[in-house]
Protein backbone atom coordinates (compact mmCIF):
# COMPACT_ATOMS: atom_id res chain seq x y z
CA MET A 1 -10.59 -34.64 -7.08
CA GLU A 2 -13.24 -32.06 -7.60
CA ILE A 3 -16.76 -32.66 -6.37
CA ALA A 4 -19.55 -31.70 -8.77
CA SER A 5 -22.56 -30.08 -7.14
CA GLN A 6 -25.98 -29.22 -8.55
CA GLU A 7 -29.39 -28.11 -7.28
CA TYR A 8 -32.30 -30.11 -8.71
CA LYS A 9 -35.98 -29.88 -7.76
CA GLY A 10 -35.25 -28.70 -4.21
CA PHE A 11 -32.38 -31.14 -3.61
CA THR A 12 -28.62 -30.74 -3.58
CA ILE A 13 -26.63 -33.37 -5.48
CA GLU A 14 -22.92 -33.83 -4.76
CA VAL A 15 -20.94 -36.23 -6.97
CA THR A 16 -17.40 -37.38 -6.26
CA PRO A 17 -15.44 -39.14 -9.03
CA LEU A 18 -13.58 -42.26 -7.90
CA LYS A 19 -10.87 -44.19 -9.72
CA ASP A 20 -11.58 -47.92 -9.84
CA CYS A 21 -9.14 -50.82 -9.92
CA GLU A 22 -8.94 -50.82 -13.75
CA ASP A 23 -8.00 -47.12 -14.00
CA ARG A 24 -11.53 -46.20 -15.04
CA TRP A 25 -13.66 -43.58 -13.29
CA ASP A 26 -16.79 -44.30 -11.29
CA PHE A 27 -18.63 -42.09 -8.83
CA SER A 28 -20.36 -41.77 -5.52
CA TYR A 29 -23.17 -39.30 -4.97
CA ARG A 30 -25.07 -37.73 -2.13
CA ILE A 31 -28.57 -36.30 -2.25
CA GLN A 32 -29.87 -33.90 0.40
CA ARG A 33 -33.00 -31.80 0.63
CA ALA A 34 -31.69 -28.29 -0.10
CA GLY A 35 -31.44 -26.10 2.99
CA GLN A 36 -32.59 -28.77 5.47
CA GLY A 37 -29.35 -30.49 6.37
CA THR A 38 -29.17 -34.19 7.03
CA ALA A 39 -32.42 -34.47 8.99
CA ALA A 40 -34.62 -34.71 5.88
CA VAL A 41 -33.51 -36.80 2.90
CA ASP A 42 -29.86 -37.82 2.97
CA ILE A 43 -28.94 -40.56 0.50
CA THR A 44 -25.44 -41.69 -0.42
CA ARG A 45 -24.79 -44.22 -3.17
CA SER A 46 -21.96 -45.26 -5.47
CA GLN A 47 -21.52 -46.90 -8.84
CA THR A 48 -18.64 -49.27 -9.36
CA ASP A 49 -19.70 -51.09 -12.51
CA GLY A 50 -18.40 -50.25 -15.95
CA GLY A 51 -16.41 -47.11 -15.43
CA HIS A 52 -15.94 -43.93 -17.43
CA ALA A 53 -13.02 -42.50 -19.39
CA ASN A 54 -12.35 -39.51 -17.12
CA PRO A 55 -13.58 -37.90 -13.89
CA GLU A 56 -15.66 -35.26 -15.67
CA ILE A 57 -17.74 -37.89 -17.48
CA ALA A 58 -18.14 -39.83 -14.22
CA CYS A 59 -19.52 -36.67 -12.56
CA VAL A 60 -22.01 -36.08 -15.38
CA ALA A 61 -23.15 -39.71 -15.13
CA GLY A 62 -23.47 -39.41 -11.34
CA ILE A 63 -25.62 -36.30 -11.62
CA GLU A 64 -27.92 -38.01 -14.13
CA VAL A 65 -28.32 -41.07 -11.88
CA ALA A 66 -29.02 -38.86 -8.86
CA ARG A 67 -31.59 -36.83 -10.82
CA THR A 68 -33.39 -40.05 -11.72
CA GLU A 69 -33.41 -41.09 -8.07
CA ILE A 70 -34.85 -37.70 -7.07
CA ASP A 71 -37.56 -38.01 -9.73
CA ASN A 72 -38.42 -41.46 -8.37
CA LEU A 73 -38.53 -40.18 -4.77
CA LEU A 74 -40.84 -37.35 -5.77
CA ALA A 75 -43.08 -39.71 -7.78
CA LYS A 76 -43.43 -42.02 -4.75
CA GLY A 77 -44.03 -39.09 -2.44
CA SER A 78 -41.44 -40.42 0.00
CA THR A 79 -39.73 -37.10 0.74
């Protein structure tokens, strides 16, 4: 499985597609502050509800969810 990676607002997002028990695709994602390793922000989450038709769509969905989480972190000022 190929991991999707993207830089967004000073963070690195890595999304891994995962096949669920009903042969649908979900994802896990990791958010890190770009260039600062794991000492700064390091969040790992997964989605296992619903599922997507293929791994590419699961990666796109994971990136969108992670972007929303980053926007929320920045809005709270908790980074």
